[in-house]
Amino acid sequence: MGDSTIKVPDTTRDHLAALAKERGMTIGGLVTALAEQQPTAEQLAARVIEGRRVMREHMNCTVTDEEFDSAPDVLSRVYEIAAEKSVASIKKGRAA
């Protein structure tokens, strides 16, 4: 993999150099590390899809994408649904 040059203002270069020095790395290494920590919109979307898939599979959760998207606090709603299903399951077991 080849190297590239990125043009930034001198003040930005100096700031990056100071940060890199504090961390014992080069500016290139610092920029690489910073870039690796910032997912793209496509990577974030893939994480959301995978997170919802895992939640549905492992929690037997039936929250729709629309519910995920519209809920102000999705995790709280998932906990509510899981609790409702648990209570229903317990009641069903007692009735049998």
PDB file of N, CA and C in Angstrom:
ATOM      1  N   MET A   1       0.852  -1.166   0.000  1.00  0.00           N
ATOM      2  CA  MET A   1       0.000   0.000   0.000  1.00  0.00           C
ATOM      3  C   MET A   1       0.899   1.231   0.000  1.00  0.00           C
ATOM      4  N   GLY A   2       0.623   2.143  -0.881  1.00  0.00           N
ATOM      5  CA  GLY A   2       1.418   3.353  -0.986  1.00  0.00           C
ATOM      6  C   GLY A   2       0.962   4.420  -0.023  1.00  0.00           C
ATOM      7  N   ASP A   3       1.833   5.412   0.134  1.00  0.00           N
ATOM      8  CA  ASP A   3       1.501   6.555   0.984  1.00  0.00           C
ATOM      9  C   ASP A   3       0.921   7.666   0.133  1.00  0.00           C
ATOM     10  N   SER A   4       0.159   8.541   0.750  1.00  0.00           N
ATOM     11  CA  SER A   4      -0.425   9.698   0.086  1.00  0.00           C
ATOM     12  C   SER A   4      -0.106  10.948   0.885  1.00  0.00           C
ATOM     13  N   THR A   5      -0.222  12.064   0.234  1.00  0.00           N
ATOM     14  CA  THR A   5      -0.027  13.350   0.880  1.00  0.00           C
ATOM     15  C   THR A   5      -1.379  14.009   1.063  1.00  0.00           C
ATOM     16  N   ILE A   6      -1.593  14.550   2.249  1.00  0.00           N
ATOM     17  CA  ILE A   6      -2.830  15.269   2.543  1.00  0.00           C
ATOM     18  C   ILE A   6      -2.440  16.699   2.879  1.00  0.00           C
ATOM     19  N   LYS A   7      -3.057  17.644   2.214  1.00  0.00           N
ATOM     20  CA  LYS A   7      -2.761  19.055   2.474  1.00  0.00           C
ATOM     21  C   LYS A   7      -3.682  19.572   3.569  1.00  0.00           C
ATOM     22  N   VAL A   8      -3.063  20.093   4.616  1.00  0.00           N
ATOM     23  CA  VAL A   8      -3.801  20.704   5.724  1.00  0.00           C
ATOM     24  C   VAL A   8      -3.095  22.007   6.088  1.00  0.00           C
ATOM     25  N   PRO A   9      -3.790  22.910   6.756  1.00  0.00           N
ATOM     26  CA  PRO A   9      -3.128  24.138   7.219  1.00  0.00           C
ATOM     27  C   PRO A   9      -1.971  23.803   8.166  1.00  0.00           C
ATOM     28  N   ASP A  10      -0.997  24.694   8.221  1.00  0.00           N
ATOM     29  CA  ASP A  10       0.163  24.476   9.097  1.00  0.00           C
ATOM     30  C   ASP A  10      -0.248  24.258  10.546  1.00  0.00           C
ATOM     31  N   THR A  11      -1.255  24.983  11.001  1.00  0.00           N
ATOM     32  CA  THR A  11      -1.690  24.832  12.395  1.00  0.00           C
ATOM     33  C   THR A  11      -2.235  23.426  12.656  1.00  0.00           C
ATOM     34  N   THR A  12      -2.938  22.879  11.671  1.00  0.00           N
ATOM     35  CA  THR A  12      -3.461  21.512  11.806  1.00  0.00           C
ATOM     36  C   THR A  12      -2.310  20.523  11.809  1.00  0.00           C
ATOM     37  N   ARG A  13      -1.351  20.713  10.906  1.00  0.00           N
ATOM     38  CA  ARG A  13      -0.179  19.828  10.859  1.00  0.00           C
ATOM     39  C   ARG A  13       0.557  19.857  12.189  1.00  0.00           C
ATOM     40  N   ASP A  14       0.744  21.050  12.755  1.00  0.00           N
ATOM     41  CA  ASP A  14       1.456  21.175  14.020  1.00  0.00           C
ATOM     42  C   ASP A  14       0.692  20.494  15.157  1.00  0.00           C
ATOM     43  N   HIS A  15      -0.625  20.645  15.129  1.00  0.00           N
ATOM     44  CA  HIS A  15      -1.459  19.997  16.155  1.00  0.00           C
ATOM     45  C   HIS A  15      -1.370  18.468  16.024  1.00  0.00           C
ATOM     46  N   LEU A  16      -1.458  17.977  14.799  1.00  0.00           N
ATOM     47  CA  LEU A  16      -1.334  16.532  14.577  1.00  0.00           C
ATOM     48  C   LEU A  16       0.040  16.027  15.010  1.00  0.00           C
ATOM     49  N   ALA A  17       1.073  16.806  14.740  1.00  0.00           N
ATOM     50  CA  ALA A  17       2.428  16.410  15.129  1.00  0.00           C
ATOM     51  C   ALA A  17       2.547  16.317  16.649  1.00  0.00           C
ATOM     52  N   ALA A  18       1.955  17.276  17.353  1.00  0.00           N
ATOM     53  CA  ALA A  18       2.005  17.259  18.819  1.00  0.00           C
ATOM     54  C   ALA A  18       1.245  16.050  19.364  1.00  0.00           C
ATOM     55  N   LEU A  19       0.066  15.785  18.800  1.00  0.00           N
ATOM     56  CA  LEU A  19      -0.712  14.618  19.240  1.00  0.00           C
ATOM     57  C   LEU A  19       0.048  13.323  18.977  1.00  0.00           C
ATOM     58  N   ALA A  20       0.631  13.219  17.792  1.00  0.00           N
ATOM     59  CA  ALA A  20       1.376  12.014  17.432  1.00  0.00           C
ATOM     60  C   ALA A  20       2.556  11.815  18.371  1.00  0.00           C
ATOM     61  N   LYS A  21       3.279  12.880  18.664  1.00  0.00           N
ATOM     62  CA  LYS A  21       4.436  12.789  19.557  1.00  0.00           C
ATOM     63  C   LYS A  21       4.017  12.311  20.942  1.00  0.00           C
ATOM     64  N   GLU A  22       2.909  12.873  21.450  1.00  0.00           N
ATOM     65  CA  GLU A  22       2.408  12.452  22.770  1.00  0.00           C
ATOM     66  C   GLU A  22       2.089  10.968  22.805  1.00  0.00           C
ATOM     67  N   ARG A  23       1.673  10.432  21.680  1.00  0.00           N
ATOM     68  CA  ARG A  23       1.280   9.018  21.611  1.00  0.00           C
ATOM     69  C   ARG A  23       2.408   8.111  21.115  1.00  0.00           C
ATOM     70  N   GLY A  24       3.551   8.703  20.841  1.00  0.00           N
ATOM     71  CA  GLY A  24       4.700   7.914  20.388  1.00  0.00           C
ATOM     72  C   GLY A  24       4.511   7.337  18.998  1.00  0.00           C
ATOM     73  N   MET A  25       3.878   8.092  18.112  1.00  0.00           N
ATOM     74  CA  MET A  25       3.638   7.609  16.756  1.00  0.00           C
ATOM     75  C   MET A  25       3.893   8.720  15.754  1.00  0.00           C
ATOM     76  N   THR A  26       3.852   8.374  14.500  1.00  0.00           N
ATOM     77  CA  THR A  26       4.000   9.358  13.436  1.00  0.00           C
ATOM     78  C   THR A  26       2.657  10.023  13.158  1.00  0.00           C
ATOM     79  N   ILE A  27       2.696  11.121  12.426  1.00  0.00           N
ATOM     80  CA  ILE A  27       1.446  11.767  12.025  1.00  0.00           C
ATOM     81  C   ILE A  27       0.634  10.800  11.167  1.00  0.00           C
ATOM     82  N   GLY A  28       1.283  10.096  10.266  1.00  0.00           N
ATOM     83  CA  GLY A  28       0.581   9.120   9.425  1.00  0.00           C
ATOM     84  C   GLY A  28      -0.094   8.048  10.258  1.00  0.00           C
ATOM     85  N   GLY A  29       0.609   7.553  11.270  1.00  0.00           N
ATOM     86  CA  GLY A  29       0.026   6.547  12.155  1.00  0.00           C
ATOM     87  C   GLY A  29      -1.158   7.084  12.924  1.00  0.00           C
ATOM     88  N   LEU A  30      -1.027   8.341  13.370  1.00  0.00           N
ATOM     89  CA  LEU A  30      -2.121   8.976  14.096  1.00  0.00           C
ATOM     90  C   LEU A  30      -3.343   9.144  13.206  1.00  0.00           C
ATOM     91  N   VAL A  31      -3.140   9.645  12.002  1.00  0.00           N
ATOM     92  CA  VAL A  31      -4.260   9.847  11.083  1.00  0.00           C
ATOM     93  C   VAL A  31      -4.909   8.499  10.754  1.00  0.00           C
ATOM     94  N   THR A  32      -4.109   7.472  10.555  1.00  0.00           N
ATOM     95  CA  THR A  32      -4.644   6.134  10.283  1.00  0.00           C
ATOM     96  C   THR A  32      -5.491   5.649  11.463  1.00  0.00           C
ATOM     97  N   ALA A  33      -4.963   5.800  12.669  1.00  0.00           N
ATOM     98  CA  ALA A  33      -5.701   5.356  13.863  1.00  0.00           C
ATOM     99  C   ALA A  33      -7.005   6.130  14.018  1.00  0.00           C
ATOM    100  N   LEU A  34      -6.956   7.443  13.807  1.00  0.00           N
ATOM    101  CA  LEU A  34      -8.170   8.256  13.914  1.00  0.00           C
ATOM    102  C   LEU A  34      -9.198   7.840  12.861  1.00  0.00           C
ATOM    103  N   ALA A  35      -8.738   7.606  11.640  1.00  0.00           N
ATOM    104  CA  ALA A  35      -9.654   7.209  10.560  1.00  0.00           C
ATOM    105  C   ALA A  35     -10.288   5.849  10.859  1.00  0.00           C
ATOM    106  N   GLU A  36      -9.518   4.932  11.416  1.00  0.00           N
ATOM    107  CA  GLU A  36     -10.052   3.602  11.721  1.00  0.00           C
ATOM    108  C   GLU A  36     -11.120   3.649  12.809  1.00  0.00           C
ATOM    109  N   GLN A  37     -11.078   4.673  13.657  1.00  0.00           N
ATOM    110  CA  GLN A  37     -12.054   4.804  14.745  1.00  0.00           C
ATOM    111  C   GLN A  37     -13.360   5.424  14.285  1.00  0.00           C
ATOM    112  N   GLN A  38     -13.400   5.959  13.081  1.00  0.00           N
ATOM    113  CA  GLN A  38     -14.582   6.663  12.588  1.00  0.00           C
ATOM    114  C   GLN A  38     -15.259   5.851  11.488  1.00  0.00           C
ATOM    115  N   PRO A  39     -16.334   5.151  11.794  1.00  0.00           N
ATOM    116  CA  PRO A  39     -17.004   4.364  10.752  1.00  0.00           C
ATOM    117  C   PRO A  39     -17.703   5.265   9.729  1.00  0.00           C
ATOM    118  N   THR A  40     -17.774   4.753   8.520  1.00  0.00           N
ATOM    119  CA  THR A  40     -18.502   5.458   7.469  1.00  0.00           C
ATOM    120  C   THR A  40     -20.002   5.273   7.685  1.00  0.00           C
ATOM    121  N   ALA A  41     -20.801   6.045   6.978  1.00  0.00           N
ATOM    122  CA  ALA A  41     -22.262   5.898   7.064  1.00  0.00           C
ATOM    123  C   ALA A  41     -22.666   4.479   6.657  1.00  0.00           C
ATOM    124  N   GLU A  42     -22.001   3.932   5.663  1.00  0.00           N
ATOM    125  CA  GLU A  42     -22.306   2.566   5.216  1.00  0.00           C
ATOM    126  C   GLU A  42     -21.974   1.548   6.305  1.00  0.00           C
ATOM    127  N   GLN A  43     -20.845   1.729   6.984  1.00  0.00           N
ATOM    128  CA  GLN A  43     -20.478   0.815   8.068  1.00  0.00           C
ATOM    129  C   GLN A  43     -21.450   0.938   9.238  1.00  0.00           C
ATOM    130  N   LEU A  44     -21.863   2.155   9.558  1.00  0.00           N
ATOM    131  CA  LEU A  44     -22.844   2.342  10.634  1.00  0.00           C
ATOM    132  C   LEU A  44     -24.171   1.669  10.297  1.00  0.00           C
ATOM    133  N   ALA A  45     -24.607   1.821   9.049  1.00  0.00           N
ATOM    134  CA  ALA A  45     -25.864   1.190   8.627  1.00  0.00           C
ATOM    135  C   ALA A  45     -25.762  -0.323   8.735  1.00  0.00           C
ATOM    136  N   ALA A  46     -24.620  -0.877   8.352  1.00  0.00           N
ATOM    137  CA  ALA A  46     -24.426  -2.333   8.453  1.00  0.00           C
ATOM    138  C   ALA A  46     -24.456  -2.778   9.915  1.00  0.00           C
ATOM    139  N   ARG A  47     -23.885  -1.976  10.808  1.00  0.00           N
ATOM    140  CA  ARG A  47     -23.912  -2.306  12.240  1.00  0.00           C
ATOM    141  C   ARG A  47     -25.344  -2.295  12.777  1.00  0.00           C
ATOM    142  N   VAL A  48     -26.129  -1.325  12.339  1.00  0.00           N
ATOM    143  CA  VAL A  48     -27.522  -1.239  12.780  1.00  0.00           C
ATOM    144  C   VAL A  48     -28.284  -2.478  12.323  1.00  0.00           C
ATOM    145  N   ILE A  49     -28.102  -2.841  11.066  1.00  0.00           N
ATOM    146  CA  ILE A  49     -28.788  -4.026  10.520  1.00  0.00           C
ATOM    147  C   ILE A  49     -28.386  -5.266  11.296  1.00  0.00           C
ATOM    148  N   GLU A  50     -27.083  -5.436  11.534  1.00  0.00           N
ATOM    149  CA  GLU A  50     -26.605  -6.621  12.254  1.00  0.00           C
ATOM    150  C   GLU A  50     -27.084  -6.606  13.702  1.00  0.00           C
ATOM    151  N   GLY A  51     -27.065  -5.453  14.342  1.00  0.00           N
ATOM    152  CA  GLY A  51     -27.536  -5.362  15.723  1.00  0.00           C
ATOM    153  C   GLY A  51     -28.997  -5.736  15.852  1.00  0.00           C
ATOM    154  N   ARG A  52     -29.799  -5.272  14.922  1.00  0.00           N
ATOM    155  CA  ARG A  52     -31.226  -5.614  14.935  1.00  0.00           C
ATOM    156  C   ARG A  52     -31.429  -7.103  14.673  1.00  0.00           C
ATOM    157  N   ARG A  53     -30.645  -7.669  13.763  1.00  0.00           N
ATOM    158  CA  ARG A  53     -30.756  -9.098  13.465  1.00  0.00           C
ATOM    159  C   ARG A  53     -30.423  -9.925  14.710  1.00  0.00           C
ATOM    160  N   VAL A  54     -29.331  -9.571  15.378  1.00  0.00           N
ATOM    161  CA  VAL A  54     -28.914 -10.310  16.571  1.00  0.00           C
ATOM    162  C   VAL A  54     -29.955 -10.169  17.677  1.00  0.00           C
ATOM    163  N   MET A  55     -30.476  -8.954  17.847  1.00  0.00           N
ATOM    164  CA  MET A  55     -31.483  -8.732  18.879  1.00  0.00           C
ATOM    165  C   MET A  55     -32.728  -9.569  18.611  1.00  0.00           C
ATOM    166  N   ARG A  56     -33.155  -9.567  17.363  1.00  0.00           N
ATOM    167  CA  ARG A  56     -34.354 -10.350  17.021  1.00  0.00           C
ATOM    168  C   ARG A  56     -34.110 -11.839  17.216  1.00  0.00           C
ATOM    169  N   GLU A  57     -32.941 -12.301  16.824  1.00  0.00           N
ATOM    170  CA  GLU A  57     -32.634 -13.728  16.904  1.00  0.00           C
ATOM    171  C   GLU A  57     -32.453 -14.205  18.341  1.00  0.00           C
ATOM    172  N   HIS A  58     -31.688 -13.469  19.125  1.00  0.00           N
ATOM    173  CA  HIS A  58     -31.326 -13.944  20.458  1.00  0.00           C
ATOM    174  C   HIS A  58     -32.303 -13.549  21.548  1.00  0.00           C
ATOM    175  N   MET A  59     -33.111 -12.522  21.289  1.00  0.00           N
ATOM    176  CA  MET A  59     -34.075 -12.100  22.297  1.00  0.00           C
ATOM    177  C   MET A  59     -35.497 -12.429  21.880  1.00  0.00           C
ATOM    178  N   ASN A  60     -35.629 -13.143  20.773  1.00  0.00           N
ATOM    179  CA  ASN A  60     -36.949 -13.453  20.250  1.00  0.00           C
ATOM    180  C   ASN A  60     -37.787 -12.180  20.183  1.00  0.00           C
ATOM    181  N   CYS A  61     -37.166 -11.142  19.665  1.00  0.00           N
ATOM    182  CA  CYS A  61     -37.751  -9.803  19.622  1.00  0.00           C
ATOM    183  C   CYS A  61     -38.395  -9.568  18.263  1.00  0.00           C
ATOM    184  N   THR A  62     -39.600  -9.039  18.273  1.00  0.00           N
ATOM    185  CA  THR A  62     -40.317  -8.829  17.019  1.00  0.00           C
ATOM    186  C   THR A  62     -40.479  -7.347  16.681  1.00  0.00           C
ATOM    187  N   VAL A  63     -39.610  -6.510  17.234  1.00  0.00           N
ATOM    188  CA  VAL A  63     -39.683  -5.077  16.949  1.00  0.00           C
ATOM    189  C   VAL A  63     -39.375  -4.867  15.471  1.00  0.00           C
ATOM    190  N   THR A  64     -40.230  -4.125  14.811  1.00  0.00           N
ATOM    191  CA  THR A  64     -40.037  -3.856  13.386  1.00  0.00           C
ATOM    192  C   THR A  64     -39.004  -2.746  13.207  1.00  0.00           C
ATOM    193  N   ASP A  65     -38.491  -2.625  11.989  1.00  0.00           N
ATOM    194  CA  ASP A  65     -37.562  -1.535  11.700  1.00  0.00           C
ATOM    195  C   ASP A  65     -38.219  -0.187  11.947  1.00  0.00           C
ATOM    196  N   GLU A  66     -39.502  -0.075  11.626  1.00  0.00           N
ATOM    197  CA  GLU A  66     -40.214   1.176  11.846  1.00  0.00           C
ATOM    198  C   GLU A  66     -40.271   1.506  13.342  1.00  0.00           C
ATOM    199  N   GLU A  67     -40.500   0.495  14.167  1.00  0.00           N
ATOM    200  CA  GLU A  67     -40.531   0.717  15.613  1.00  0.00           C
ATOM    201  C   GLU A  67     -39.147   1.111  16.126  1.00  0.00           C
ATOM    202  N   PHE A  68     -38.107   0.421  15.622  1.00  0.00           N
ATOM    203  CA  PHE A  68     -36.747   0.800  16.001  1.00  0.00           C
ATOM    204  C   PHE A  68     -36.481   2.254  15.642  1.00  0.00           C
ATOM    205  N   ASP A  69     -36.860   2.635  14.419  1.00  0.00           N
ATOM    206  CA  ASP A  69     -36.558   3.976  13.926  1.00  0.00           C
ATOM    207  C   ASP A  69     -37.345   5.064  14.626  1.00  0.00           C
ATOM    208  N   SER A  70     -38.561   4.761  15.056  1.00  0.00           N
ATOM    209  CA  SER A  70     -39.406   5.796  15.652  1.00  0.00           C
ATOM    210  C   SER A  70     -39.282   5.875  17.166  1.00  0.00           C
ATOM    211  N   ALA A  71     -38.720   4.873  17.770  1.00  0.00           N
ATOM    212  CA  ALA A  71     -38.638   4.853  19.231  1.00  0.00           C
ATOM    213  C   ALA A  71     -37.550   5.795  19.726  1.00  0.00           C
ATOM    214  N   PRO A  72     -37.860   6.614  20.721  1.00  0.00           N
ATOM    215  CA  PRO A  72     -36.835   7.509  21.259  1.00  0.00           C
ATOM    216  C   PRO A  72     -35.749   6.753  22.013  1.00  0.00           C
ATOM    217  N   ASP A  73     -36.108   5.638  22.628  1.00  0.00           N
ATOM    218  CA  ASP A  73     -35.140   4.826  23.367  1.00  0.00           C
ATOM    219  C   ASP A  73     -35.424   3.362  23.054  1.00  0.00           C
ATOM    220  N   VAL A  74     -34.817   2.895  21.995  1.00  0.00           N
ATOM    221  CA  VAL A  74     -35.101   1.557  21.489  1.00  0.00           C
ATOM    222  C   VAL A  74     -34.788   0.490  22.518  1.00  0.00           C
ATOM    223  N   LEU A  75     -33.673   0.613  23.208  1.00  0.00           N
ATOM    224  CA  LEU A  75     -33.289  -0.421  24.160  1.00  0.00           C
ATOM    225  C   LEU A  75     -34.329  -0.564  25.268  1.00  0.00           C
ATOM    226  N   SER A  76     -34.866   0.548  25.744  1.00  0.00           N
ATOM    227  CA  SER A  76     -35.915   0.466  26.760  1.00  0.00           C
ATOM    228  C   SER A  76     -37.139  -0.258  26.216  1.00  0.00           C
ATOM    229  N   ARG A  77     -37.484   0.030  24.966  1.00  0.00           N
ATOM    230  CA  ARG A  77     -38.645  -0.637  24.353  1.00  0.00           C
ATOM    231  C   ARG A  77     -38.387  -2.129  24.209  1.00  0.00           C
ATOM    232  N   VAL A  78     -37.184  -2.512  23.841  1.00  0.00           N
ATOM    233  CA  VAL A  78     -36.846  -3.937  23.727  1.00  0.00           C
ATOM    234  C   VAL A  78     -36.974  -4.616  25.083  1.00  0.00           C
ATOM    235  N   TYR A  79     -36.500  -3.944  26.138  1.00  0.00           N
ATOM    236  CA  TYR A  79     -36.643  -4.505  27.482  1.00  0.00           C
ATOM    237  C   TYR A  79     -38.112  -4.663  27.855  1.00  0.00           C
ATOM    238  N   GLU A  80     -38.925  -3.693  27.489  1.00  0.00           N
ATOM    239  CA  GLU A  80     -40.363  -3.776  27.765  1.00  0.00           C
ATOM    240  C   GLU A  80     -40.977  -4.980  27.059  1.00  0.00           C
ATOM    241  N   ILE A  81     -40.638  -5.150  25.796  1.00  0.00           N
ATOM    242  CA  ILE A  81     -41.176  -6.267  25.016  1.00  0.00           C
ATOM    243  C   ILE A  81     -40.717  -7.594  25.615  1.00  0.00           C
ATOM    244  N   ALA A  82     -39.434  -7.684  25.968  1.00  0.00           N
ATOM    245  CA  ALA A  82     -38.915  -8.915  26.565  1.00  0.00           C
ATOM    246  C   ALA A  82     -39.624  -9.210  27.879  1.00  0.00           C
ATOM    247  N   ALA A  83     -39.864  -8.170  28.676  1.00  0.00           N
ATOM    248  CA  ALA A  83     -40.569  -8.356  29.948  1.00  0.00           C
ATOM    249  C   ALA A  83     -42.005  -8.810  29.720  1.00  0.00           C
ATOM    250  N   GLU A  84     -42.684  -8.194  28.746  1.00  0.00           N
ATOM    251  CA  GLU A  84     -44.059  -8.589  28.419  1.00  0.00           C
ATOM    252  C   GLU A  84     -44.114 -10.050  27.985  1.00  0.00           C
ATOM    253  N   LYS A  85     -43.155 -10.461  27.159  1.00  0.00           N
ATOM    254  CA  LYS A  85     -43.135 -11.852  26.698  1.00  0.00           C
ATOM    255  C   LYS A  85     -42.852 -12.809  27.854  1.00  0.00           C
ATOM    256  N   SER A  86     -41.968 -12.402  28.758  1.00  0.00           N
ATOM    257  CA  SER A  86     -41.666 -13.246  29.911  1.00  0.00           C
ATOM    258  C   SER A  86     -42.881 -13.407  30.810  1.00  0.00           C
ATOM    259  N   VAL A  87     -43.566 -12.304  31.078  1.00  0.00           N
ATOM    260  CA  VAL A  87     -44.767 -12.350  31.919  1.00  0.00           C
ATOM    261  C   VAL A  87     -45.831 -13.221  31.253  1.00  0.00           C
ATOM    262  N   ALA A  88     -46.024 -13.045  29.951  1.00  0.00           N
ATOM    263  CA  ALA A  88     -47.018 -13.849  29.225  1.00  0.00           C
ATOM    264  C   ALA A  88     -46.658 -15.331  29.280  1.00  0.00           C
ATOM    265  N   SER A  89     -45.386 -15.628  29.162  1.00  0.00           N
ATOM    266  CA  SER A  89     -44.934 -17.019  29.211  1.00  0.00           C
ATOM    267  C   SER A  89     -45.169 -17.624  30.585  1.00  0.00           C
ATOM    268  N   ILE A  90     -44.908 -16.859  31.627  1.00  0.00           N
ATOM    269  CA  ILE A  90     -45.125 -17.337  33.007  1.00  0.00           C
ATOM    270  C   ILE A  90     -46.611 -17.571  33.245  1.00  0.00           C
ATOM    271  N   LYS A  91     -47.440 -16.608  32.818  1.00  0.00           N
ATOM    272  CA  LYS A  91     -48.883 -16.763  32.980  1.00  0.00           C
ATOM    273  C   LYS A  91     -49.398 -17.963  32.224  1.00  0.00           C
ATOM    274  N   LYS A  92     -48.881 -18.175  31.024  1.00  0.00           N
ATOM    275  CA  LYS A  92     -49.287 -19.316  30.209  1.00  0.00           C
ATOM    276  C   LYS A  92     -48.923 -20.619  30.898  1.00  0.00           C
ATOM    277  N   GLY A  93     -47.716 -20.650  31.511  1.00  0.00           N
ATOM    278  CA  GLY A  93     -47.255 -21.848  32.225  1.00  0.00           C
ATOM    279  C   GLY A  93     -48.097 -22.129  33.459  1.00  0.00           C
ATOM    280  N   ARG A  94     -48.547 -21.114  34.135  1.00  0.00           N
ATOM    281  CA  ARG A  94     -49.381 -21.287  35.333  1.00  0.00           C
ATOM    282  C   ARG A  94     -50.790 -21.767  34.960  1.00  0.00           C
ATOM    283  N   ALA A  95     -51.254 -21.333  33.796  1.00  0.00           N
ATOM    284  CA  ALA A  95     -52.598 -21.682  33.377  1.00  0.00           C
ATOM    285  C   ALA A  95     -52.676 -23.146  32.916  1.00  0.00           C
ATOM    286  N   ALA A  96     -51.545 -23.687  32.530  1.00  0.00           N
ATOM    287  CA  ALA A  96     -51.532 -25.061  32.001  1.00  0.00           C
ATOM    288  C   ALA A  96     -51.681 -26.109  33.055  1.00  0.00           C
TER     289      ALA A  96
END
